[in-house]
PDB file of N, CA and C in Angstrom:
ATOM      1  N   MET A   1     128.941 145.952  78.636  1.00  0.00           N
ATOM      2  CA  MET A   1     129.272 144.797  79.440  1.00  0.00           C
ATOM      3  C   MET A   1     129.391 143.591  78.512  1.00  0.00           C
ATOM      4  N   LYS A   2     130.288 142.710  78.875  1.00  0.00           N
ATOM      5  CA  LYS A   2     130.491 141.476  78.112  1.00  0.00           C
ATOM      6  C   LYS A   2     130.185 140.280  78.998  1.00  0.00           C
ATOM      7  N   GLU A   3     129.882 139.175  78.339  1.00  0.00           N
ATOM      8  CA  GLU A   3     129.688 137.906  79.024  1.00  0.00           C
ATOM      9  C   GLU A   3     130.728 136.930  78.510  1.00  0.00           C
ATOM     10  N   CYS A   4     131.343 136.234  79.432  1.00  0.00           N
ATOM     11  CA  CYS A   4     132.330 135.216  79.092  1.00  0.00           C
ATOM     12  C   CYS A   4     131.859 133.906  79.712  1.00  0.00           C
ATOM     13  N   ILE A   5     131.807 132.869  78.913  1.00  0.00           N
ATOM     14  CA  ILE A   5     131.443 131.552  79.417  1.00  0.00           C
ATOM     15  C   ILE A   5     132.712 130.705  79.447  1.00  0.00           C
ATOM     16  N   LEU A   6     133.151 130.374  80.654  1.00  0.00           N
ATOM     17  CA  LEU A   6     134.377 129.599  80.829  1.00  0.00           C
ATOM     18  C   LEU A   6     134.056 128.150  81.143  1.00  0.00           C
ATOM     19  N   LYS A   7     134.789 127.244  80.539  1.00  0.00           N
ATOM     20  CA  LYS A   7     134.695 125.827  80.892  1.00  0.00           C
ATOM     21  C   LYS A   7     135.724 125.564  81.988  1.00  0.00           C
ATOM     22  N   VAL A   8     135.231 125.070  83.121  1.00  0.00           N
ATOM     23  CA  VAL A   8     136.102 124.789  84.267  1.00  0.00           C
ATOM     24  C   VAL A   8     135.860 123.336  84.690  1.00  0.00           C
ATOM     25  N   PRO A   9     136.511 122.390  84.005  1.00  0.00           N
ATOM     26  CA  PRO A   9     136.256 120.973  84.288  1.00  0.00           C
ATOM     27  C   PRO A   9     136.649 120.539  85.702  1.00  0.00           C
ATOM     28  N   SER A  10     137.521 121.283  86.357  1.00  0.00           N
ATOM     29  CA  SER A  10     137.930 120.913  87.716  1.00  0.00           C
ATOM     30  C   SER A  10     136.963 121.442  88.778  1.00  0.00           C
ATOM     31  N   MET A  11     135.910 122.141  88.367  1.00  0.00           N
ATOM     32  CA  MET A  11     134.859 122.568  89.295  1.00  0.00           C
ATOM     33  C   MET A  11     133.856 121.416  89.372  1.00  0.00           C
ATOM     34  N   HIS A  12     133.882 120.678  90.477  1.00  0.00           N
ATOM     35  CA  HIS A  12     133.115 119.440  90.542  1.00  0.00           C
ATOM     36  C   HIS A  12     132.105 119.357  91.677  1.00  0.00           C
ATOM     37  N   ASP A  13     132.022 120.403  92.520  1.00  0.00           N
ATOM     38  CA  ASP A  13     131.049 120.391  93.608  1.00  0.00           C
ATOM     39  C   ASP A  13     130.735 121.824  94.034  1.00  0.00           C
ATOM     40  N   GLU A  14     129.826 121.960  95.011  1.00  0.00           N
ATOM     41  CA  GLU A  14     129.418 123.290  95.463  1.00  0.00           C
ATOM     42  C   GLU A  14     130.578 124.076  96.064  1.00  0.00           C
ATOM     43  N   ASN A  15     131.472 123.399  96.764  1.00  0.00           N
ATOM     44  CA  ASN A  15     132.607 124.101  97.370  1.00  0.00           C
ATOM     45  C   ASN A  15     133.514 124.720  96.312  1.00  0.00           C
ATOM     46  N   SER A  16     133.845 123.962  95.288  1.00  0.00           N
ATOM     47  CA  SER A  16     134.703 124.516  94.239  1.00  0.00           C
ATOM     48  C   SER A  16     133.960 125.592  93.455  1.00  0.00           C
ATOM     49  N   SER A  17     132.664 125.437  93.303  1.00  0.00           N
ATOM     50  CA  SER A  17     131.855 126.455  92.633  1.00  0.00           C
ATOM     51  C   SER A  17     131.905 127.775  93.402  1.00  0.00           C
ATOM     52  N   ARG A  18     131.713 127.710  94.719  1.00  0.00           N
ATOM     53  CA  ARG A  18     131.778 128.919  95.558  1.00  0.00           C
ATOM     54  C   ARG A  18     133.169 129.544  95.516  1.00  0.00           C
ATOM     55  N   GLU A  19     134.191 128.706  95.532  1.00  0.00           N
ATOM     56  CA  GLU A  19     135.560 129.222  95.488  1.00  0.00           C
ATOM     57  C   GLU A  19     135.816 129.979  94.181  1.00  0.00           C
ATOM     58  N   ILE A  20     135.358 129.432  93.072  1.00  0.00           N
ATOM     59  CA  ILE A  20     135.539 130.097  91.781  1.00  0.00           C
ATOM     60  C   ILE A  20     134.770 131.414  91.745  1.00  0.00           C
ATOM     61  N   ILE A  21     133.553 131.423  92.276  1.00  0.00           N
ATOM     62  CA  ILE A  21     132.780 132.674  92.345  1.00  0.00           C
ATOM     63  C   ILE A  21     133.551 133.718  93.139  1.00  0.00           C
ATOM     64  N   ASN A  22     134.083 133.335  94.291  1.00  0.00           N
ATOM     65  CA  ASN A  22     134.830 134.282  95.130  1.00  0.00           C
ATOM     66  C   ASN A  22     136.093 134.789  94.441  1.00  0.00           C
ATOM     67  N   ILE A  23     136.792 133.918  93.738  1.00  0.00           N
ATOM     68  CA  ILE A  23     138.001 134.324  93.009  1.00  0.00           C
ATOM     69  C   ILE A  23     137.645 135.375  91.970  1.00  0.00           C
ATOM     70  N   ILE A  24     136.633 135.080  91.171  1.00  0.00           N
ATOM     71  CA  ILE A  24     136.277 135.976  90.072  1.00  0.00           C
ATOM     72  C   ILE A  24     135.681 137.279  90.590  1.00  0.00           C
ATOM     73  N   LYS A  25     134.806 137.205  91.592  1.00  0.00           N
ATOM     74  CA  LYS A  25     134.195 138.425  92.135  1.00  0.00           C
ATOM     75  C   LYS A  25     135.223 139.334  92.799  1.00  0.00           C
ATOM     76  N   GLY A  26     136.372 138.792  93.157  1.00  0.00           N
ATOM     77  CA  GLY A  26     137.426 139.596  93.762  1.00  0.00           C
ATOM     78  C   GLY A  26     138.187 140.456  92.767  1.00  0.00           C
ATOM     79  N   LEU A  27     137.923 140.275  91.487  1.00  0.00           N
ATOM     80  CA  LEU A  27     138.610 141.045  90.450  1.00  0.00           C
ATOM     81  C   LEU A  27     137.876 142.349  90.161  1.00  0.00           C
ATOM     82  N   ILE A  28     138.623 143.369  89.832  1.00  0.00           N
ATOM     83  CA  ILE A  28     138.041 144.650  89.439  1.00  0.00           C
ATOM     84  C   ILE A  28     137.336 144.480  88.098  1.00  0.00           C
ATOM     85  N   GLY A  29     136.149 145.056  87.972  1.00  0.00           N
ATOM     86  CA  GLY A  29     135.422 145.044  86.711  1.00  0.00           C
ATOM     87  C   GLY A  29     134.422 143.918  86.561  1.00  0.00           C
ATOM     88  N   ILE A  30     134.307 143.055  87.566  1.00  0.00           N
ATOM     89  CA  ILE A  30     133.354 141.947  87.495  1.00  0.00           C
ATOM     90  C   ILE A  30     131.990 142.447  87.951  1.00  0.00           C
ATOM     91  N   GLU A  31     130.976 142.199  87.117  1.00  0.00           N
ATOM     92  CA  GLU A  31     129.610 142.603  87.438  1.00  0.00           C
ATOM     93  C   GLU A  31     128.835 141.472  88.112  1.00  0.00           C
ATOM     94  N   ASP A  32     128.982 140.246  87.599  1.00  0.00           N
ATOM     95  CA  ASP A  32     128.247 139.103  88.145  1.00  0.00           C
ATOM     96  C   ASP A  32     128.915 137.804  87.690  1.00  0.00           C
ATOM     97  N   VAL A  33     128.702 136.755  88.464  1.00  0.00           N
ATOM     98  CA  VAL A  33     129.228 135.425  88.130  1.00  0.00           C
ATOM     99  C   VAL A  33     128.167 134.389  88.482  1.00  0.00           C
ATOM    100  N   ASP A  34     127.893 133.506  87.549  1.00  0.00           N
ATOM    101  CA  ASP A  34     127.017 132.359  87.793  1.00  0.00           C
ATOM    102  C   ASP A  34     127.817 131.111  87.448  1.00  0.00           C
ATOM    103  N   THR A  35     127.708 130.078  88.277  1.00  0.00           N
ATOM    104  CA  THR A  35     128.412 128.830  87.977  1.00  0.00           C
ATOM    105  C   THR A  35     127.433 127.664  87.962  1.00  0.00           C
ATOM    106  N   ASN A  36     127.820 126.627  87.247  1.00  0.00           N
ATOM    107  CA  ASN A  36     127.080 125.372  87.233  1.00  0.00           C
ATOM    108  C   ASN A  36     128.127 124.262  87.298  1.00  0.00           C
ATOM    109  N   TYR A  37     128.333 123.721  88.497  1.00  0.00           N
ATOM    110  CA  TYR A  37     129.396 122.721  88.646  1.00  0.00           C
ATOM    111  C   TYR A  37     129.054 121.416  87.939  1.00  0.00           C
ATOM    112  N   GLU A  38     127.764 121.123  87.773  1.00  0.00           N
ATOM    113  CA  GLU A  38     127.389 119.890  87.074  1.00  0.00           C
ATOM    114  C   GLU A  38     127.805 119.936  85.606  1.00  0.00           C
ATOM    115  N   GLU A  39     127.745 121.131  85.013  1.00  0.00           N
ATOM    116  CA  GLU A  39     128.169 121.303  83.620  1.00  0.00           C
ATOM    117  C   GLU A  39     129.614 121.780  83.519  1.00  0.00           C
ATOM    118  N   GLY A  40     130.184 122.214  84.650  1.00  0.00           N
ATOM    119  CA  GLY A  40     131.565 122.693  84.657  1.00  0.00           C
ATOM    120  C   GLY A  40     131.750 124.006  83.925  1.00  0.00           C
ATOM    121  N   VAL A  41     130.788 124.931  84.096  1.00  0.00           N
ATOM    122  CA  VAL A  41     130.888 126.223  83.419  1.00  0.00           C
ATOM    123  C   VAL A  41     130.686 127.371  84.399  1.00  0.00           C
ATOM    124  N   ALA A  42     131.306 128.491  84.057  1.00  0.00           N
ATOM    125  CA  ALA A  42     131.126 129.738  84.797  1.00  0.00           C
ATOM    126  C   ALA A  42     130.759 130.823  83.793  1.00  0.00           C
ATOM    127  N   ASN A  43     129.638 131.491  84.027  1.00  0.00           N
ATOM    128  CA  ASN A  43     129.222 132.630  83.210  1.00  0.00           C
ATOM    129  C   ASN A  43     129.651 133.887  83.945  1.00  0.00           C
ATOM    130  N   VAL A  44     130.483 134.673  83.302  1.00  0.00           N
ATOM    131  CA  VAL A  44     131.047 135.862  83.931  1.00  0.00           C
ATOM    132  C   VAL A  44     130.606 137.089  83.148  1.00  0.00           C
ATOM    133  N   PHE A  45     130.006 138.039  83.845  1.00  0.00           N
ATOM    134  CA  PHE A  45     129.614 139.313  83.252  1.00  0.00           C
ATOM    135  C   PHE A  45     130.592 140.361  83.760  1.00  0.00           C
ATOM    136  N   TYR A  46     131.241 141.065  82.830  1.00  0.00           N
ATOM    137  CA  TYR A  46     132.311 141.972  83.233  1.00  0.00           C
ATOM    138  C   TYR A  46     132.362 143.214  82.352  1.00  0.00           C
ATOM    139  N   ASP A  47     133.014 144.243  82.885  1.00  0.00           N
ATOM    140  CA  ASP A  47     133.247 145.494  82.163  1.00  0.00           C
ATOM    141  C   ASP A  47     134.570 145.344  81.423  1.00  0.00           C
ATOM    142  N   GLU A  48     134.498 145.265  80.101  1.00  0.00           N
ATOM    143  CA  GLU A  48     135.703 145.028  79.299  1.00  0.00           C
ATOM    144  C   GLU A  48     136.693 146.184  79.349  1.00  0.00           C
ATOM    145  N   ARG A  49     136.282 147.331  79.893  1.00  0.00           N
ATOM    146  CA  ARG A  49     137.219 148.454  80.052  1.00  0.00           C
ATOM    147  C   ARG A  49     138.088 148.280  81.295  1.00  0.00           C
ATOM    148  N   LYS A  50     137.662 147.395  82.202  1.00  0.00           N
ATOM    149  CA  LYS A  50     138.376 147.228  83.467  1.00  0.00           C
ATOM    150  C   LYS A  50     139.083 145.887  83.617  1.00  0.00           C
ATOM    151  N   THR A  51     138.654 144.884  82.865  1.00  0.00           N
ATOM    152  CA  THR A  51     139.293 143.566  82.948  1.00  0.00           C
ATOM    153  C   THR A  51     139.136 142.842  81.615  1.00  0.00           C
ATOM    154  N   SER A  52     139.697 141.657  81.525  1.00  0.00           N
ATOM    155  CA  SER A  52     139.656 140.886  80.276  1.00  0.00           C
ATOM    156  C   SER A  52     139.512 139.403  80.597  1.00  0.00           C
ATOM    157  N   ILE A  53     139.200 138.632  79.570  1.00  0.00           N
ATOM    158  CA  ILE A  53     139.114 137.180  79.747  1.00  0.00           C
ATOM    159  C   ILE A  53     140.447 136.641  80.248  1.00  0.00           C
ATOM    160  N   ASP A  54     141.531 137.137  79.682  1.00  0.00           N
ATOM    161  CA  ASP A  54     142.855 136.649  80.085  1.00  0.00           C
ATOM    162  C   ASP A  54     143.097 136.845  81.573  1.00  0.00           C
ATOM    163  N   LYS A  55     142.712 138.000  82.109  1.00  0.00           N
ATOM    164  CA  LYS A  55     142.903 138.262  83.543  1.00  0.00           C
ATOM    165  C   LYS A  55     142.025 137.352  84.392  1.00  0.00           C
ATOM    166  N   ILE A  56     140.805 137.111  83.929  1.00  0.00           N
ATOM    167  CA  ILE A  56     139.887 136.237  84.665  1.00  0.00           C
ATOM    168  C   ILE A  56     140.434 134.809  84.694  1.00  0.00           C
ATOM    169  N   VAL A  57     140.825 134.310  83.533  1.00  0.00           N
ATOM    170  CA  VAL A  57     141.380 132.954  83.439  1.00  0.00           C
ATOM    171  C   VAL A  57     142.643 132.835  84.284  1.00  0.00           C
ATOM    172  N   GLU A  58     143.509 133.825  84.211  1.00  0.00           N
ATOM    173  CA  GLU A  58     144.754 133.805  84.984  1.00  0.00           C
ATOM    174  C   GLU A  58     144.469 133.706  86.478  1.00  0.00           C
ATOM    175  N   ALA A  59     143.491 134.462  86.970  1.00  0.00           N
ATOM    176  CA  ALA A  59     143.165 134.443  88.398  1.00  0.00           C
ATOM    177  C   ALA A  59     142.638 133.078  88.828  1.00  0.00           C
ATOM    178  N   VAL A  60     141.784 132.473  88.007  1.00  0.00           N
ATOM    179  CA  VAL A  60     141.213 131.165  88.340  1.00  0.00           C
ATOM    180  C   VAL A  60     142.293 130.082  88.292  1.00  0.00           C
ATOM    181  N   GLU A  61     143.126 130.121  87.270  1.00  0.00           N
ATOM    182  CA  GLU A  61     144.201 129.123  87.156  1.00  0.00           C
ATOM    183  C   GLU A  61     145.253 129.294  88.249  1.00  0.00           C
ATOM    184  N   TYR A  62     145.501 130.523  88.676  1.00  0.00           N
ATOM    185  CA  TYR A  62     146.464 130.781  89.746  1.00  0.00           C
ATOM    186  C   TYR A  62     146.055 130.050  91.029  1.00  0.00           C
ATOM    187  N   LYS A  63     144.745 129.892  91.227  1.00  0.00           N
ATOM    188  CA  LYS A  63     144.240 129.201  92.420  1.00  0.00           C
ATOM    189  C   LYS A  63     144.139 127.689  92.228  1.00  0.00           C
ATOM    190  N   GLY A  64     144.643 127.190  91.085  1.00  0.00           N
ATOM    191  CA  GLY A  64     144.741 125.753  90.896  1.00  0.00           C
ATOM    192  C   GLY A  64     143.646 125.096  90.075  1.00  0.00           C
ATOM    193  N   PHE A  65     142.752 125.888  89.512  1.00  0.00           N
ATOM    194  CA  PHE A  65     141.692 125.324  88.682  1.00  0.00           C
ATOM    195  C   PHE A  65     142.111 125.348  87.223  1.00  0.00           C
ATOM    196  N   LYS A  66     141.777 124.306  86.502  1.00  0.00           N
ATOM    197  CA  LYS A  66     142.045 124.232  85.071  1.00  0.00           C
ATOM    198  C   LYS A  66     140.884 124.898  84.341  1.00  0.00           C
ATOM    199  N   VAL A  67     141.207 125.803  83.421  1.00  0.00           N
ATOM    200  CA  VAL A  67     140.182 126.490  82.640  1.00  0.00           C
ATOM    201  C   VAL A  67     140.352 126.110  81.180  1.00  0.00           C
ATOM    202  N   GLY A  68     139.266 125.624  80.590  1.00  0.00           N
ATOM    203  CA  GLY A  68     139.278 125.275  79.173  1.00  0.00           C
ATOM    204  C   GLY A  68     138.944 126.489  78.335  1.00  0.00           C
ATOM    205  N   SER A  69     138.469 126.253  77.141  1.00  0.00           N
ATOM    206  CA  SER A  69     138.151 127.349  76.235  1.00  0.00           C
ATOM    207  C   SER A  69     136.981 128.162  76.771  1.00  0.00           C
ATOM    208  N   GLY A  70     136.959 129.424  76.389  1.00  0.00           N
ATOM    209  CA  GLY A  70     135.888 130.312  76.800  1.00  0.00           C
ATOM    210  C   GLY A  70     135.244 130.975  75.606  1.00  0.00           C
ATOM    211  N   LEU A  71     134.026 131.425  75.792  1.00  0.00           N
ATOM    212  CA  LEU A  71     133.300 132.135  74.751  1.00  0.00           C
ATOM    213  C   LEU A  71     133.035 133.534  75.259  1.00  0.00           C
ATOM    214  N   ASP A  72     133.421 134.525  74.503  1.00  0.00           N
ATOM    215  CA  ASP A  72     133.245 135.920  74.885  1.00  0.00           C
ATOM    216  C   ASP A  72     132.184 136.520  73.988  1.00  0.00           C
ATOM    217  N   ARG A  73     131.226 137.207  74.591  1.00  0.00           N
ATOM    218  CA  ARG A  73     130.202 137.858  73.779  1.00  0.00           C
ATOM    219  C   ARG A  73     129.661 139.080  74.490  1.00  0.00           C
ATOM    220  N   SER A  74     129.101 139.995  73.710  1.00  0.00           N
ATOM    221  CA  SER A  74     128.494 141.197  74.275  1.00  0.00           C
ATOM    222  C   SER A  74     127.214 140.813  74.988  1.00  0.00           C
ATOM    223  N   SER A  75     126.871 141.591  75.998  1.00  0.00           N
ATOM    224  CA  SER A  75     125.676 141.312  76.775  1.00  0.00           C
ATOM    225  C   SER A  75     124.914 142.598  77.012  1.00  0.00           C
ATOM    226  N   ALA A  76     123.615 142.528  76.948  1.00  0.00           N
ATOM    227  CA  ALA A  76     122.776 143.694  77.216  1.00  0.00           C
ATOM    228  C   ALA A  76     122.268 143.668  78.645  1.00  0.00           C
ATOM    229  N   ARG A  77     122.866 142.878  79.476  1.00  0.00           N
ATOM    230  CA  ARG A  77     122.426 142.695  80.855  1.00  0.00           C
ATOM    231  C   ARG A  77     122.581 143.947  81.650  1.00  0.00           C
TER     232      ARG A  77
END
C-alpha cells in the first residue's frame, strides 16, 4: 500500500472536505482517505496495483478542485 499526500488549496471547509473524501473513496483501489481542510491536504492510502496518483488527481480535478503537488510514499498501514 502507498500513501499519497495531496495539497488541495481549494478545500476550505467541512463540505468540500467531505466531497473530496467521497470523490476519492469512489475510486477502485482506495484503502482510506483523511483530509484536513484547515491545512488543505488529503492523505490517501491506496493499492498501487489498482490505481495511481495521476488517477486520483484527475478525479479530484474533474470535480473542480485544484490539486497542487503531492508526495507519494510507501506505507506499512
